[in-house]
Amino acid sequence: MSLTLEDVSRRVGGQTHVDRVSLTLEPGSFNVLLGRTLAGKTSLMRLMAGLDQPSEGRILMQGEDVTGRQVRQRNVSMVYQQFINYPNHSVYANIASPLKIAGVGRQEVDRRVREVAEMLHIEHLLERTPLELSGGQQQRTAMARALVKDADLILFDEPLVNLDYKLREEFREELRTLFERRDCIAVYATTEPAEALALGGYTAVLHQGRLLQYGPTAEVYHRPATLTAAEMFSEPPINVLEGRVREGEVSFDSEVHFALDNDLAGLADGDYRFGVRPSHLAMTPRADDDLALDVAVELAEISGSETFLHVRNEHVALVAHLPGVHAFGVDEAIRLYFPVHRLYVFDGEGATVHVPRSAGAR
C-alpha cells in the first residue's frame, strides 16, 4: 500500500499546523519525520491516520481517496510517547485487543499474539499486567499491540523518548530488523537527527508545518537542499559564517580569507553563507586546507564521552562537537581548525549552491 498526501494543510483556530505538504510514501518503506517541537510531526501523523481531517488537500492510500475516511475505516496502528496499555489486563490481553475487536478467531489471535511477543522479546511476560513491567517492557507491549494488527500503516510518535539511552539503542536496532520483514509503511517521528541517522530508511525534514526535504536519510543529511534543512538535520545545528567571494578568494573578515580551491572554484563573486558541521571542527589540523581560527571559550558542555565547545571571536560564534572530555576555562584562548573542503555554501535565500565532495563522510 502506498500513501500519498497531495498539497495537504491543517489549520486550527487561525494557526497553521501543516502547510501544503505533498509527500508519497512507498509500500514497505521506513520513514522518519524529523523536526523540532511544533514542527508539525504529530499533526501530520494524525492526518495520515484519519484522526484529523485536512483543511485542504487530499490523502490517498493505494491511489484511493481516503481524505474523509475515519481512523476506524483505515487499517492503521499508532504508538505514542506514553505507555498506553490497559492496566488491569494482562500483556496477552493488551496485545490481543485489536484482533478481538476485529473479530479474528481465537486460534489466529493466539498465534499472532505469541508471534509478535516473541519478536519483541516479551513472550515470557504475557501473563503479567503492565503495572508489573519496566518502562521498556511496557513500551514493547504497546508496540506489540500496534504490530499484531498487521496494519498497512504504522505510526510511531516519538515512542522512545521516555526510555533511557541503552533501551533506545536496542529498540532502534530491533525496529530496523522488524520492518525489513514487513510490507507495511512505517512512519517514525523524532526531534533527534542522530536517531534519524540510526534508523536509516527515508527522512522527511519538517519545519513550522512545512516539508523542507524528503529522500533517503543519508542523502538528506549529506546533501541538504537548504540552509534550514541543514540546520534541522544537525545537532548541534550546523555552524554558519557570513562570507563573500571576490576575485578567486573567500573571506569571512579582514583576517580570515583563503583562495578558492578546486572544490569551490565554481562559485561566482557574491555574498554567501558558509556552513560547517560542529563534528568537522577540530583542535588540531587534519588536512592541508584546514583553516585556523583563534577564538575564546564561552562554554564547554561535557556529555558522556563528548564535549560541545561554544567559542567566539569578534567576527564569528561557533560550536564544536569534539570526541572525548575536554576541560576549558571560560574566556580561555584556543585555536580551532575547520576543513575548507567540507564547507557547505548557501546563497542569500538559503538555497544550497555547493555541497562538498566529501559530503558522504560524517
Protein backbone atom coordinates (compact mmCIF):
# COMPACT_ATOMS: atom_id res chain seq x y z
CA MET A 1 0.00 0.00 0.00
CA SER A 2 1.28 3.48 -0.90
CA LEU A 3 0.34 6.65 0.98
CA THR A 4 0.13 9.98 -0.83
CA LEU A 5 -0.52 13.44 0.60
CA GLU A 6 -1.49 15.98 -2.05
CA ASP A 7 -1.00 19.61 -1.01
CA VAL A 8 -2.35 18.89 2.47
CA SER A 9 -2.86 21.66 5.04
CA ARG A 10 -4.28 21.64 8.56
CA ARG A 11 -5.39 24.84 10.29
CA VAL A 12 -6.87 25.11 13.76
CA GLY A 13 -8.15 28.37 15.25
CA GLY A 14 -6.28 30.50 12.75
CA GLN A 15 -2.98 28.64 13.32
CA THR A 16 -1.41 26.55 10.58
CA HIS A 17 -0.15 23.19 11.86
CA VAL A 18 0.56 21.62 8.46
CA ASP A 19 1.25 23.82 5.45
CA ARG A 20 0.71 22.45 1.91
CA VAL A 21 2.58 19.19 2.33
CA SER A 22 2.90 16.88 -0.66
CA LEU A 23 4.54 13.53 0.02
CA THR A 24 4.37 9.94 -1.24
CA LEU A 25 5.44 7.01 0.95
CA GLU A 26 6.09 3.76 -0.87
CA PRO A 27 4.98 0.25 0.23
CA GLY A 28 7.41 -1.37 2.66
CA SER A 29 9.24 1.89 3.39
CA PHE A 30 10.53 3.08 6.77
CA ASN A 31 10.10 6.84 7.02
CA VAL A 32 11.31 9.30 9.65
CA LEU A 33 9.62 12.64 10.30
CA LEU A 34 12.41 14.84 11.65
CA GLY A 35 11.76 18.25 13.15
CA ARG A 36 11.86 20.27 16.32
CA THR A 37 8.95 20.52 18.73
CA LEU A 38 5.91 22.10 16.98
CA ALA A 39 7.35 21.35 13.54
CA GLY A 40 4.10 19.58 12.61
CA LYS A 41 5.15 15.93 13.03
CA THR A 42 2.24 14.80 15.22
CA SER A 43 -0.26 16.87 13.22
CA LEU A 44 0.90 15.21 10.02
CA MET A 45 0.68 11.74 11.54
CA ARG A 46 -2.85 12.40 12.79
CA LEU A 47 -3.84 13.34 9.25
CA MET A 48 -2.25 10.15 7.92
CA ALA A 49 -4.15 8.10 10.49
CA GLY A 50 -7.52 9.78 9.92
CA LEU A 51 -7.70 11.12 13.47
CA ASP A 52 -7.94 14.64 12.00
CA GLN A 53 -9.15 15.89 8.63
CA PRO A 54 -7.14 18.27 6.43
CA SER A 55 -8.36 21.82 5.87
CA GLU A 56 -7.16 21.49 2.27
CA GLY A 57 -5.74 18.79 0.06
CA ARG A 58 -6.26 15.05 -0.34
CA ILE A 59 -4.92 11.86 1.23
CA LEU A 60 -4.74 8.72 -0.89
CA MET A 61 -4.00 5.13 0.05
CA GLN A 62 -3.05 2.89 -2.88
CA GLY A 63 -4.44 5.59 -5.16
CA GLU A 64 -7.85 5.69 -3.42
CA ASP A 65 -9.02 8.97 -1.89
CA VAL A 66 -9.48 8.37 1.86
CA THR A 67 -9.48 12.03 2.92
CA GLY A 68 -12.84 11.88 4.71
CA ARG A 69 -12.46 8.34 5.99
CA GLN A 70 -12.26 8.00 9.78
CA VAL A 71 -9.45 6.15 11.55
CA ARG A 72 -11.66 3.10 12.20
CA GLN A 73 -12.15 2.73 8.47
CA ARG A 74 -8.40 2.62 7.82
CA ASN A 75 -6.01 -0.22 8.57
CA VAL A 76 -3.73 1.92 10.76
CA SER A 77 -1.89 1.46 14.07
CA MET A 78 -0.21 4.12 16.21
CA VAL A 79 2.31 4.06 19.05
CA TYR A 80 2.64 7.13 21.28
CA GLN A 81 5.30 8.54 23.63
CA GLN A 82 3.36 7.37 26.67
CA PHE A 83 3.00 3.71 27.56
CA ILE A 84 -0.69 3.40 26.67
CA ASN A 85 -1.80 -0.04 27.90
CA TYR A 86 -4.89 -1.35 29.71
CA PRO A 87 -3.56 -1.52 33.30
CA ASN A 88 -5.95 -4.22 34.56
CA HIS A 89 -5.47 -6.58 31.62
CA SER A 90 -2.61 -9.00 31.08
CA VAL A 91 0.07 -8.32 28.49
CA TYR A 92 -1.53 -11.05 26.39
CA ALA A 93 -4.94 -9.36 26.54
CA ASN A 94 -3.44 -5.96 25.74
CA ILE A 95 -1.75 -7.28 22.62
CA ALA A 96 -4.81 -9.28 21.56
CA SER A 97 -7.31 -6.42 21.98
CA PRO A 98 -7.28 -5.03 18.40
CA LEU A 99 -7.66 -8.54 16.98
CA LYS A 100 -10.63 -9.31 19.20
CA ILE A 101 -12.29 -6.02 18.22
CA ALA A 102 -11.78 -7.02 14.58
CA GLY A 103 -13.44 -10.39 15.21
CA VAL A 104 -10.38 -12.53 14.49
CA GLY A 105 -10.77 -16.19 15.51
CA ARG A 106 -9.34 -17.41 18.82
CA GLN A 107 -6.65 -19.66 17.36
CA GLU A 108 -5.45 -16.96 14.96
CA VAL A 109 -5.39 -14.43 17.82
CA ASP A 110 -3.24 -16.78 19.90
CA ARG A 111 -0.83 -17.45 17.03
CA ARG A 112 -0.34 -13.79 16.19
CA VAL A 113 -0.04 -12.62 19.81
CA ARG A 114 2.66 -15.16 20.57
CA GLU A 115 4.46 -14.47 17.30
CA VAL A 116 4.72 -10.71 17.86
CA ALA A 117 5.54 -11.18 21.57
CA GLU A 118 8.48 -13.37 20.58
CA MET A 119 9.66 -10.82 18.02
CA LEU A 120 9.73 -8.17 20.76
CA HIS A 121 11.18 -10.49 23.42
CA ILE A 122 8.23 -10.30 25.81
CA GLU A 123 6.85 -13.82 25.35
CA HIS A 124 7.74 -14.62 28.98
CA LEU A 125 5.66 -11.65 30.22
CA LEU A 126 2.30 -12.48 28.65
CA GLU A 127 0.55 -13.31 31.95
CA ARG A 128 1.73 -10.20 33.77
CA THR A 129 -0.09 -6.86 33.93
CA PRO A 130 1.51 -3.63 32.68
CA LEU A 131 2.00 -2.39 36.25
CA GLU A 132 4.37 -5.31 36.84
CA LEU A 133 6.58 -4.29 33.91
CA SER A 134 9.51 -1.94 33.47
CA GLY A 135 9.16 1.11 31.23
CA GLY A 136 10.87 -0.65 28.35
CA GLN A 137 8.65 -3.70 28.71
CA GLN A 138 5.53 -1.51 28.80
CA GLN A 139 6.57 0.18 25.57
CA ARG A 140 7.27 -3.20 23.97
CA THR A 141 3.73 -4.21 24.93
CA ALA A 142 2.28 -1.07 23.32
CA MET A 143 4.36 -1.68 20.20
CA ALA A 144 3.28 -5.33 20.06
CA ARG A 145 -0.37 -4.25 20.15
CA ALA A 146 0.28 -1.96 17.17
CA LEU A 147 2.19 -4.60 15.22
CA VAL A 148 -0.15 -7.53 15.83
CA LYS A 149 -2.89 -5.88 13.81
CA ASP A 150 -0.82 -6.30 10.62
CA ALA A 151 -1.74 -2.75 9.65
CA ASP A 152 -0.96 -1.16 6.29
CA LEU A 153 0.36 1.94 8.07
CA ILE A 154 2.10 2.02 11.47
CA LEU A 155 2.83 5.39 13.07
CA PHE A 156 5.37 5.92 15.87
CA ASP A 157 5.07 9.30 17.59
CA GLU A 158 8.43 9.63 19.39
CA PRO A 159 7.91 6.22 21.05
CA LEU A 160 11.35 6.01 22.67
CA VAL A 161 11.60 9.49 24.18
CA ASN A 162 10.79 8.26 27.72
CA LEU A 163 13.32 5.41 27.69
CA ASP A 164 16.94 5.51 28.75
CA TYR A 165 19.77 5.67 26.21
CA LYS A 166 20.61 1.97 26.22
CA LEU A 167 16.99 0.90 25.74
CA ARG A 168 16.59 3.38 22.91
CA GLU A 169 19.58 1.91 21.08
CA GLU A 170 18.15 -1.59 21.47
CA PHE A 171 14.75 -0.53 20.15
CA ARG A 172 16.21 1.25 17.12
CA GLU A 173 18.12 -1.85 16.08
CA GLU A 174 15.07 -4.05 16.59
CA LEU A 175 12.81 -1.69 14.64
CA ARG A 176 15.10 -1.74 11.61
CA THR A 177 15.21 -5.54 11.67
CA LEU A 178 11.49 -5.86 12.33
CA PHE A 179 10.38 -3.75 9.38
CA GLU A 180 12.71 -5.48 6.96
CA ARG A 181 10.26 -8.40 7.24
CA ARG A 182 7.03 -6.43 6.87
CA ASP A 183 5.33 -4.93 3.83
CA CYS A 184 3.62 -2.04 5.62
CA ILE A 185 4.57 1.63 5.67
CA ALA A 186 6.24 2.72 8.91
CA VAL A 187 6.38 6.40 9.93
CA TYR A 188 8.54 7.39 12.92
CA ALA A 189 8.62 10.91 14.41
CA THR A 190 11.67 12.25 16.21
CA THR A 191 13.33 15.53 17.17
CA GLU A 192 16.80 13.98 17.11
CA PRO A 193 18.96 13.97 13.95
CA ALA A 194 21.14 11.18 15.38
CA GLU A 195 18.06 8.98 15.78
CA ALA A 196 17.05 9.59 12.17
CA LEU A 197 20.53 8.60 11.01
CA ALA A 198 20.49 5.49 13.20
CA LEU A 199 17.11 4.38 11.84
CA GLY A 200 18.00 4.96 8.19
CA GLY A 201 15.31 4.49 5.56
CA TYR A 202 13.87 7.77 4.34
CA THR A 203 13.63 11.10 6.15
CA ALA A 204 11.20 14.00 5.78
CA VAL A 205 12.55 17.20 7.35
CA LEU A 206 9.75 19.38 8.75
CA HIS A 207 9.86 22.97 9.97
CA GLN A 208 6.91 25.14 11.04
CA GLY A 209 4.47 22.77 9.39
CA ARG A 210 6.27 22.75 6.04
CA LEU A 211 8.09 19.89 4.36
CA LEU A 212 11.63 21.06 3.60
CA GLN A 213 13.05 17.91 2.03
CA TYR A 214 12.35 14.19 1.65
CA GLY A 215 14.57 11.36 0.46
CA PRO A 216 16.94 8.60 1.59
CA THR A 217 18.12 9.56 5.07
CA ALA A 218 21.84 9.62 4.28
CA GLU A 219 21.21 11.67 1.14
CA VAL A 220 19.14 14.28 3.00
CA TYR A 221 21.78 14.53 5.73
CA HIS A 222 24.76 14.86 3.41
CA ARG A 223 23.02 16.94 0.74
CA PRO A 224 20.55 19.32 2.41
CA ALA A 225 18.56 21.34 -0.13
CA THR A 226 18.52 24.49 2.01
CA LEU A 227 20.26 26.06 4.97
CA THR A 228 17.17 25.47 7.12
CA ALA A 229 17.18 21.75 6.24
CA ALA A 230 20.88 21.60 7.14
CA GLU A 231 20.18 23.27 10.49
CA MET A 232 17.27 20.92 11.26
CA PHE A 233 19.34 17.85 10.38
CA SER A 234 22.30 18.69 12.60
CA GLU A 235 22.70 18.53 16.37
CA PRO A 236 24.18 20.90 17.35
CA PRO A 237 22.97 22.93 14.33
CA ILE A 238 25.43 23.47 11.51
CA ASN A 239 27.68 26.50 12.06
CA VAL A 240 27.04 29.36 9.64
CA LEU A 241 29.59 32.04 8.72
CA GLU A 242 28.76 35.08 6.61
CA GLY A 243 31.30 35.44 3.82
CA ARG A 244 31.92 36.63 0.31
CA VAL A 245 33.69 35.53 -2.84
CA ARG A 246 35.75 38.13 -4.68
CA GLU A 247 38.37 37.60 -7.38
CA GLY A 248 39.02 33.96 -6.61
CA GLU A 249 39.12 34.32 -2.84
CA VAL A 250 36.75 33.57 0.05
CA SER A 251 36.82 35.97 3.00
CA PHE A 252 34.92 35.90 6.29
CA ASP A 253 36.53 39.09 7.58
CA SER A 254 39.68 41.10 7.02
CA GLU A 255 41.84 38.47 8.71
CA VAL A 256 40.27 35.14 7.68
CA HIS A 257 40.43 34.51 3.94
CA PHE A 258 41.64 31.81 1.56
CA ALA A 259 41.86 31.13 -2.15
CA LEU A 260 39.08 29.18 -3.87
CA ASP A 261 40.22 25.59 -4.25
CA ASN A 262 39.11 23.17 -6.97
CA ASP A 263 36.09 22.19 -4.87
CA LEU A 264 34.79 25.78 -4.62
CA ALA A 265 36.07 27.06 -7.95
CA GLY A 266 32.59 27.26 -9.48
CA LEU A 267 31.36 29.96 -7.06
CA ALA A 268 30.65 33.30 -8.71
CA ASP A 269 31.54 36.52 -6.96
CA GLY A 270 28.96 37.46 -4.34
CA ASP A 271 27.86 37.18 -0.75
CA TYR A 272 27.22 33.71 0.69
CA ARG A 273 26.68 31.84 3.92
CA PHE A 274 29.19 29.07 4.57
CA GLY A 275 28.25 26.09 6.72
CA VAL A 276 30.50 23.74 8.65
CA ARG A 277 29.20 20.90 10.82
CA PRO A 278 30.25 21.00 14.51
CA SER A 279 31.74 17.49 14.22
CA HIS A 280 34.11 18.71 11.48
CA LEU A 281 35.82 21.27 13.73
CA ALA A 282 38.96 20.06 15.49
CA MET A 283 41.62 21.15 17.92
CA THR A 284 44.42 20.06 15.58
CA PRO A 285 44.69 20.31 11.78
CA ARG A 286 43.64 17.16 9.91
CA ALA A 287 44.14 18.28 6.31
CA ASP A 288 46.34 20.69 4.37
CA ASP A 289 43.44 23.06 3.75
CA ASP A 290 42.30 23.29 7.38
CA LEU A 291 41.63 26.90 8.29
CA ALA A 292 42.82 28.14 11.68
CA LEU A 293 40.59 30.35 13.82
CA ASP A 294 41.68 31.97 17.07
CA VAL A 295 38.72 32.03 19.44
CA ALA A 296 37.80 32.28 23.12
CA VAL A 297 35.84 29.64 25.02
CA GLU A 298 32.36 30.60 26.19
CA LEU A 299 31.20 27.21 27.45
CA ALA A 300 32.36 23.59 27.44
CA GLU A 301 29.44 21.14 27.77
CA ILE A 302 30.58 17.62 28.63
CA SER A 303 28.09 14.90 27.68
CA GLY A 304 29.32 11.39 28.38
CA SER A 305 32.47 10.95 26.33
CA GLU A 306 31.86 14.02 24.14
CA THR A 307 32.34 17.76 24.54
CA PHE A 308 30.26 20.51 22.95
CA LEU A 309 32.52 23.54 22.86
CA HIS A 310 30.98 27.01 22.38
CA VAL A 311 33.52 29.58 21.20
CA ARG A 312 33.60 33.02 19.62
CA ASN A 313 35.76 35.90 18.50
CA GLU A 314 34.81 39.37 17.31
CA HIS A 315 33.65 38.00 13.93
CA VAL A 316 32.16 34.51 14.45
CA ALA A 317 30.45 32.28 17.02
CA LEU A 318 30.85 28.51 16.63
CA VAL A 319 30.02 25.23 18.31
CA ALA A 320 32.47 22.34 18.03
CA HIS A 321 31.47 18.73 18.68
CA LEU A 322 34.64 17.11 19.97
CA PRO A 323 35.20 13.45 20.87
CA GLY A 324 36.49 12.94 24.42
CA VAL A 325 36.28 15.05 27.55
CA HIS A 326 37.89 18.49 27.30
CA ALA A 327 38.08 20.89 30.21
CA PHE A 328 38.43 24.56 29.26
CA GLY A 329 38.09 27.70 31.29
CA VAL A 330 35.71 30.50 30.37
CA ASP A 331 37.45 33.04 28.09
CA GLU A 332 40.36 30.65 27.54
CA ALA A 333 42.05 31.41 24.20
CA ILE A 334 42.30 28.41 21.86
CA ARG A 335 42.73 27.71 18.16
CA LEU A 336 40.18 25.68 16.20
CA TYR A 337 40.56 24.25 12.71
CA PHE A 338 37.93 23.52 10.13
CA PRO A 339 38.40 21.89 6.75
CA VAL A 340 37.70 24.12 3.76
CA HIS A 341 36.92 21.03 1.67
CA ARG A 342 33.92 20.29 3.94
CA LEU A 343 32.24 23.66 3.62
CA TYR A 344 28.61 23.88 2.53
CA VAL A 345 27.65 27.06 0.70
CA PHE A 346 24.21 28.74 0.69
CA ASP A 347 23.01 31.77 -1.22
CA GLY A 348 21.21 34.80 0.20
CA GLU A 349 17.84 33.00 0.04
CA GLY A 350 19.20 29.99 1.93
CA ALA A 351 19.29 27.62 -1.06
CA THR A 352 22.25 25.24 -1.24
CA VAL A 353 24.62 26.21 -4.01
CA HIS A 354 27.51 23.93 -3.10
CA VAL A 355 27.81 20.56 -1.37
CA PRO A 356 31.35 19.39 -0.57
CA ARG A 357 32.68 16.39 -2.46
CA SER A 358 33.42 14.86 0.93
CA ALA A 359 29.73 15.09 1.94
CA GLY A 360 29.47 11.31 2.24
CA ALA A 361 31.80 11.35 5.26
CA ARG A 362 30.31 12.24 8.64
